[in-house]
Amino acid sequence: MLVLALDGTDLRLAEQWECDNLLLDRHGQIDTFAYSRDQPWTPEVWTAVAAGEHPRDTQTVEPEWNHPVLRFASNITRNLPLSVRSRLGDLVEAASVESREEMNFPTISGEHAFTNAEVKGWPGVTPANNLLQTWDLYRELTSGTCSKSEHHAPIVANHYEEIGWLRGHACTGTPLAACHLHLLDTMGHIYADRPESLKQYYLLADEQVGSLRDETDRMIILSDHGMKTGLFDDDRLGSHSWRAMVSATEDVEGTLPTSVFDVREWIESQDTTVSDRNELSPDTDREQLEALGYI
């Protein structure tokens, strides 16, 4: 089974642009939340999805930063109110790329929805290096230190890498694999006032997810929030909307969860002891390699 954390995917936009692969066989809006900020914040929501509980109730392990100044700052701010730590986090997000090399997010200390899964880039569970790179590139774009092509190329490349990682696990019979993908969130911020440009990235993501559907019978797609755009009567274009979504293929059991806090229980109710497909035979393995152009 594949679980895609498709960051910033807006349910209404996916419906408007008929992204049937993103919507899968059944879909709906899912309640998300804001905690340290006035809108849903990526690291908090994805950690909550995996933990199945609110961040204030989740025990986490702070990252061990090698840089002595950052390590000292982490230690002295550990017991500050979350709102204060959040503002300090804003300063880190605005820091230089060199200092951000030491940064990552606190991870859940106990068991979570993906304890026995293969996981890539999920904030709160594994290092989220692609997300941090995306934030760096967005800062450089908005400050005028890089062009759109210099910004877009590595982010789209990361998206293809993440899709490839998911396809690899589906093809080789991994029972449960989960990955965070940040393409639509980033492009939503950039093209909030130009919906037709944003639509092209939704269609790209839809096409890539469609390619995954050929490799697995069970897939879940989640978003942590939507995006306010000029397509609708939204205010504060480019800020996060509450139109988070959940979708699933028909072979995923149970009803769709109505809250991000219910996702862990839903995932754990699935049979993830066996893969969706039989393990590849040598002949099938060769067919896959030929399809990918390696032989």
Protein backbone atom coordinates (compact mmCIF):
# COMPACT_ATOMS: atom_id res chain seq x y z
CA MET A 1 0.00 0.00 0.00
CA LEU A 2 1.23 3.48 -0.87
CA VAL A 3 0.52 6.58 1.22
CA LEU A 4 1.21 9.94 -0.43
CA ALA A 5 1.48 13.08 1.69
CA LEU A 6 0.73 15.47 -1.17
CA ASP A 7 1.41 18.72 0.62
CA GLY A 8 -0.86 21.69 -0.06
CA THR A 9 -3.21 19.86 -2.44
CA ASP A 10 -6.50 21.75 -2.44
CA LEU A 11 -9.59 19.56 -2.77
CA ARG A 12 -11.60 22.18 -4.62
CA LEU A 13 -8.80 22.77 -7.14
CA ALA A 14 -8.36 19.03 -7.75
CA GLU A 15 -12.10 18.75 -8.39
CA GLN A 16 -12.21 21.88 -10.56
CA TRP A 17 -9.42 20.58 -12.79
CA GLU A 18 -10.76 17.01 -12.83
CA CYS A 19 -7.63 15.42 -11.40
CA ASP A 20 -9.16 11.97 -11.25
CA ASN A 21 -5.94 10.25 -10.21
CA LEU A 22 -5.49 12.59 -7.25
CA LEU A 23 -9.12 12.02 -6.30
CA LEU A 24 -8.79 8.23 -6.76
CA ASP A 25 -11.95 6.10 -6.42
CA ARG A 26 -13.36 8.06 -3.46
CA HIS A 27 -12.41 11.32 -1.88
CA GLY A 28 -13.52 14.00 0.53
CA GLN A 29 -12.47 16.96 2.61
CA ILE A 30 -10.62 16.23 5.83
CA ASP A 31 -10.48 18.46 8.88
CA THR A 32 -7.03 19.85 9.56
CA PHE A 33 -5.84 22.21 12.31
CA ALA A 34 -3.68 25.17 13.24
CA TYR A 35 -1.64 25.17 16.42
CA SER A 36 1.41 27.41 16.66
CA ARG A 37 0.34 29.56 13.70
CA ASP A 38 -2.89 31.03 12.36
CA GLN A 39 -3.05 28.45 9.55
CA PRO A 40 -2.08 24.79 9.20
CA TRP A 41 1.71 24.38 9.31
CA THR A 42 3.31 21.54 7.38
CA PRO A 43 5.58 19.97 10.06
CA GLU A 44 2.87 20.01 12.72
CA VAL A 45 0.11 18.52 10.58
CA TRP A 46 2.19 15.69 9.10
CA THR A 47 3.56 14.80 12.53
CA ALA A 48 -0.01 14.70 13.83
CA VAL A 49 -1.12 12.46 10.95
CA ALA A 50 1.58 9.94 11.77
CA ALA A 51 1.12 10.14 15.55
CA GLY A 52 -2.67 10.17 15.50
CA GLU A 53 -2.81 12.91 18.10
CA HIS A 54 -2.40 16.64 18.62
CA PRO A 55 1.18 18.00 18.74
CA ARG A 56 0.74 19.12 22.36
CA ASP A 57 0.26 15.44 23.29
CA THR A 58 3.07 14.00 21.17
CA GLN A 59 6.46 13.15 22.62
CA THR A 60 9.20 14.03 20.18
CA VAL A 61 12.97 13.82 19.98
CA GLU A 62 14.78 17.03 19.10
CA PRO A 63 17.31 16.74 16.26
CA GLU A 64 20.96 16.61 17.28
CA TRP A 65 22.53 19.56 15.52
CA ASN A 66 26.24 19.36 14.87
CA HIS A 67 26.71 23.11 14.75
CA PRO A 68 27.49 24.26 18.35
CA VAL A 69 25.51 27.51 18.10
CA LEU A 70 22.41 25.77 16.75
CA ARG A 71 22.73 23.01 19.34
CA PHE A 72 22.94 25.60 22.12
CA ALA A 73 19.93 27.49 20.75
CA SER A 74 17.91 24.28 20.58
CA ASN A 75 18.69 23.45 24.21
CA ILE A 76 17.79 26.85 25.65
CA THR A 77 14.54 27.18 23.67
CA ARG A 78 13.33 23.63 24.38
CA ASN A 79 11.05 24.70 27.23
CA LEU A 80 9.79 27.98 25.78
CA PRO A 81 6.10 28.34 24.81
CA LEU A 82 5.39 26.88 21.39
CA SER A 83 4.33 30.25 19.99
CA VAL A 84 7.75 31.67 20.87
CA ARG A 85 9.57 28.65 19.43
CA SER A 86 7.51 29.01 16.26
CA ARG A 87 8.62 32.60 15.79
CA LEU A 88 12.23 31.56 16.37
CA GLY A 89 11.65 28.88 13.77
CA ASP A 90 10.62 31.59 11.32
CA LEU A 91 14.05 33.13 11.78
CA VAL A 92 15.70 29.79 11.02
CA GLU A 93 13.58 29.43 7.88
CA ALA A 94 14.90 32.80 6.74
CA ALA A 95 18.51 31.88 7.50
CA SER A 96 21.16 31.14 4.92
CA VAL A 97 21.42 27.80 3.17
CA GLU A 98 24.72 27.14 4.92
CA SER A 99 23.21 27.38 8.41
CA ARG A 100 20.12 25.44 7.34
CA GLU A 101 22.25 22.40 6.47
CA GLU A 102 22.10 21.54 10.18
CA MET A 103 18.32 21.89 10.45
CA ASN A 104 15.65 19.22 10.59
CA PHE A 105 12.43 18.59 12.48
CA PRO A 106 11.73 16.87 15.80
CA THR A 107 10.68 13.25 15.28
CA ILE A 108 8.09 11.17 17.11
CA SER A 109 9.76 9.25 19.92
CA GLY A 110 7.25 6.41 20.15
CA GLU A 111 5.35 4.26 17.68
CA HIS A 112 3.34 5.84 14.86
CA ALA A 113 1.41 4.91 11.75
CA PHE A 114 4.62 4.12 9.83
CA THR A 115 6.69 2.37 12.50
CA ASN A 116 6.96 -0.75 10.33
CA ALA A 117 6.87 1.00 6.96
CA GLU A 118 9.35 2.37 4.46
CA VAL A 119 9.15 6.17 4.74
CA LYS A 120 10.73 9.04 2.79
CA GLY A 121 10.77 12.73 3.69
CA TRP A 122 7.84 12.66 6.13
CA PRO A 123 8.20 15.54 8.66
CA GLY A 124 8.14 14.19 12.21
CA VAL A 125 9.07 10.68 11.08
CA THR A 126 12.18 10.88 8.89
CA PRO A 127 14.57 13.63 7.77
CA ALA A 128 12.70 15.94 5.38
CA ASN A 129 15.62 17.12 3.27
CA ASN A 130 13.61 17.77 0.10
CA LEU A 131 11.20 19.96 2.07
CA LEU A 132 14.07 21.97 3.54
CA GLN A 133 15.60 22.41 0.10
CA THR A 134 12.23 23.61 -1.20
CA TRP A 135 12.01 26.23 1.54
CA ASP A 136 15.54 27.39 0.72
CA LEU A 137 14.73 27.72 -2.98
CA TYR A 138 11.48 29.55 -2.30
CA ARG A 139 13.31 32.04 -0.09
CA GLU A 140 15.89 32.59 -2.83
CA LEU A 141 13.17 33.08 -5.44
CA THR A 142 11.23 35.62 -3.39
CA SER A 143 14.43 37.49 -2.52
CA GLY A 144 15.44 37.65 -6.18
CA THR A 145 18.62 35.63 -5.81
CA CYS A 146 17.48 32.88 -8.19
CA SER A 147 15.31 32.73 -11.31
CA LYS A 148 12.10 30.76 -11.76
CA SER A 149 13.88 28.16 -13.87
CA GLU A 150 16.57 27.76 -11.20
CA HIS A 151 13.80 27.39 -8.60
CA HIS A 152 11.48 25.10 -10.52
CA ALA A 153 13.94 22.57 -11.94
CA PRO A 154 15.16 20.99 -8.67
CA ILE A 155 11.65 20.99 -7.17
CA VAL A 156 10.15 19.19 -10.16
CA ALA A 157 13.15 16.84 -10.14
CA ASN A 158 12.49 16.06 -6.46
CA HIS A 159 8.88 15.26 -7.32
CA TYR A 160 9.94 12.76 -9.98
CA GLU A 161 12.46 11.25 -7.56
CA GLU A 162 9.74 10.81 -4.92
CA ILE A 163 7.34 9.25 -7.41
CA GLY A 164 10.12 6.93 -8.54
CA TRP A 165 10.84 5.93 -4.94
CA LEU A 166 7.17 5.05 -4.44
CA ARG A 167 7.03 3.12 -7.70
CA GLY A 168 10.13 1.17 -6.73
CA HIS A 169 8.57 0.05 -3.46
CA ALA A 170 5.30 -0.83 -5.18
CA CYS A 171 7.09 -2.88 -7.83
CA THR A 172 9.23 -4.76 -5.33
CA GLY A 173 6.35 -5.68 -3.03
CA THR A 174 6.88 -3.43 -0.01
CA PRO A 175 3.71 -3.87 2.10
CA LEU A 176 3.55 -0.20 3.20
CA ALA A 177 5.49 2.78 1.83
CA ALA A 178 4.82 6.45 2.61
CA CYS A 179 6.33 9.58 1.10
CA HIS A 180 5.94 13.34 1.48
CA LEU A 181 5.77 15.38 -1.78
CA HIS A 182 5.90 19.18 -1.74
CA LEU A 183 5.44 20.18 -5.40
CA LEU A 184 1.85 21.47 -5.27
CA ASP A 185 2.34 23.44 -2.07
CA THR A 186 5.30 25.35 -3.50
CA MET A 187 3.68 26.03 -6.85
CA GLY A 188 0.47 27.01 -5.07
CA HIS A 189 2.30 29.76 -3.22
CA ILE A 190 3.98 30.99 -6.40
CA TYR A 191 1.02 30.81 -8.78
CA ALA A 192 -1.88 31.59 -6.42
CA ASP A 193 -2.76 34.62 -8.54
CA ARG A 194 -2.25 32.73 -11.83
CA PRO A 195 -4.46 29.63 -11.56
CA GLU A 196 -3.89 28.55 -15.17
CA SER A 197 -0.17 28.23 -14.46
CA LEU A 198 -0.85 26.35 -11.23
CA LYS A 199 -3.21 24.02 -13.12
CA GLN A 200 -0.28 22.67 -15.16
CA TYR A 201 1.40 21.40 -11.99
CA TYR A 202 -1.81 19.79 -10.75
CA LEU A 203 -2.08 18.01 -14.10
CA LEU A 204 1.57 16.94 -13.83
CA ALA A 205 1.01 15.53 -10.34
CA ASP A 206 -2.18 13.85 -11.52
CA GLU A 207 -0.35 12.18 -14.40
CA GLN A 208 2.44 10.93 -12.15
CA VAL A 209 0.03 9.55 -9.55
CA GLY A 210 -1.77 7.83 -12.42
CA SER A 211 1.43 5.98 -13.26
CA LEU A 212 1.57 4.69 -9.69
CA ARG A 213 -1.96 3.31 -9.89
CA ASP A 214 -0.71 0.72 -12.40
CA GLU A 215 1.68 -0.66 -9.77
CA THR A 216 -0.50 -0.99 -6.66
CA ASP A 217 -4.05 -1.90 -5.74
CA ARG A 218 -4.15 0.25 -2.59
CA MET A 219 -3.28 3.91 -2.44
CA ILE A 220 -4.08 6.72 -0.02
CA ILE A 221 -3.52 10.41 -0.77
CA LEU A 222 -3.61 13.06 1.95
CA SER A 223 -3.02 16.78 2.14
CA ASP A 224 -2.36 18.93 5.18
CA HIS A 225 -4.15 22.01 3.84
CA GLY A 226 -5.26 23.58 0.58
CA MET A 227 -4.23 26.84 -1.06
CA LYS A 228 -6.05 30.14 -1.50
CA THR A 229 -6.01 31.14 -5.17
CA GLY A 230 -7.53 33.64 -7.55
CA LEU A 231 -9.74 30.93 -9.06
CA PHE A 232 -12.17 31.29 -6.18
CA ASP A 233 -13.20 34.21 -3.98
CA ASP A 234 -10.35 33.60 -1.56
CA ASP A 235 -8.67 36.33 0.44
CA ARG A 236 -4.92 36.37 1.20
CA LEU A 237 -3.92 34.62 -2.02
CA GLY A 238 -1.09 32.17 -1.52
CA SER A 239 -1.91 31.43 2.10
CA HIS A 240 -3.16 28.05 3.28
CA SER A 241 -6.84 27.17 2.93
CA TRP A 242 -8.76 24.69 5.07
CA ARG A 243 -9.64 22.56 2.01
CA ALA A 244 -7.40 19.61 2.89
CA MET A 245 -8.29 16.35 1.18
CA VAL A 246 -8.19 12.60 1.55
CA SER A 247 -8.67 10.04 -1.20
CA ALA A 248 -8.31 6.27 -1.55
CA THR A 249 -8.59 3.46 -4.04
CA GLU A 250 -11.52 1.09 -3.65
CA ASP A 251 -9.37 -1.70 -2.17
CA VAL A 252 -8.50 0.42 0.87
CA GLU A 253 -10.82 -0.75 3.63
CA GLY A 254 -13.04 1.40 5.83
CA THR A 255 -14.65 4.80 5.45
CA LEU A 256 -12.55 7.87 4.74
CA PRO A 257 -11.41 9.63 7.93
CA THR A 258 -12.94 13.04 8.61
CA SER A 259 -10.00 14.40 10.65
CA VAL A 260 -6.22 14.24 10.27
CA PHE A 261 -6.12 12.84 13.81
CA ASP A 262 -8.05 9.74 12.61
CA VAL A 263 -5.69 8.83 9.77
CA ARG A 264 -3.29 6.74 11.87
CA GLU A 265 -6.06 4.42 13.12
CA TRP A 266 -7.37 4.06 9.56
CA ILE A 267 -3.94 3.13 8.18
CA GLU A 268 -3.28 0.71 11.01
CA SER A 269 -6.61 -1.01 10.30
CA GLN A 270 -5.35 -2.06 6.85
CA ASP A 271 -3.60 -5.36 6.25
CA THR A 272 0.00 -4.30 5.68
CA THR A 273 1.58 -7.67 6.42
CA VAL A 274 1.58 -8.59 2.73
CA SER A 275 2.19 -6.63 -0.45
CA ASP A 276 -0.56 -5.70 -2.90
CA ARG A 277 1.14 -7.55 -5.71
CA ASN A 278 3.28 -10.68 -5.87
CA GLU A 279 7.02 -10.17 -5.67
CA LEU A 280 8.66 -9.62 -9.03
CA SER A 281 9.91 -12.61 -10.92
CA PRO A 282 13.16 -12.27 -12.91
CA ASP A 283 11.12 -11.91 -16.12
CA THR A 284 8.91 -9.21 -14.64
CA ASP A 285 11.93 -7.47 -13.20
CA ARG A 286 13.45 -7.33 -16.67
CA GLU A 287 10.20 -5.94 -18.10
CA GLN A 288 10.25 -3.17 -15.51
CA LEU A 289 13.86 -2.29 -16.28
CA GLU A 290 13.08 -2.21 -20.01
CA ALA A 291 10.10 0.07 -19.37
CA LEU A 292 12.35 2.42 -17.42
CA GLY A 293 14.89 2.42 -20.25
CA TYR A 294 17.73 0.78 -18.34
CA ILE A 295 17.99 -2.19 -20.69
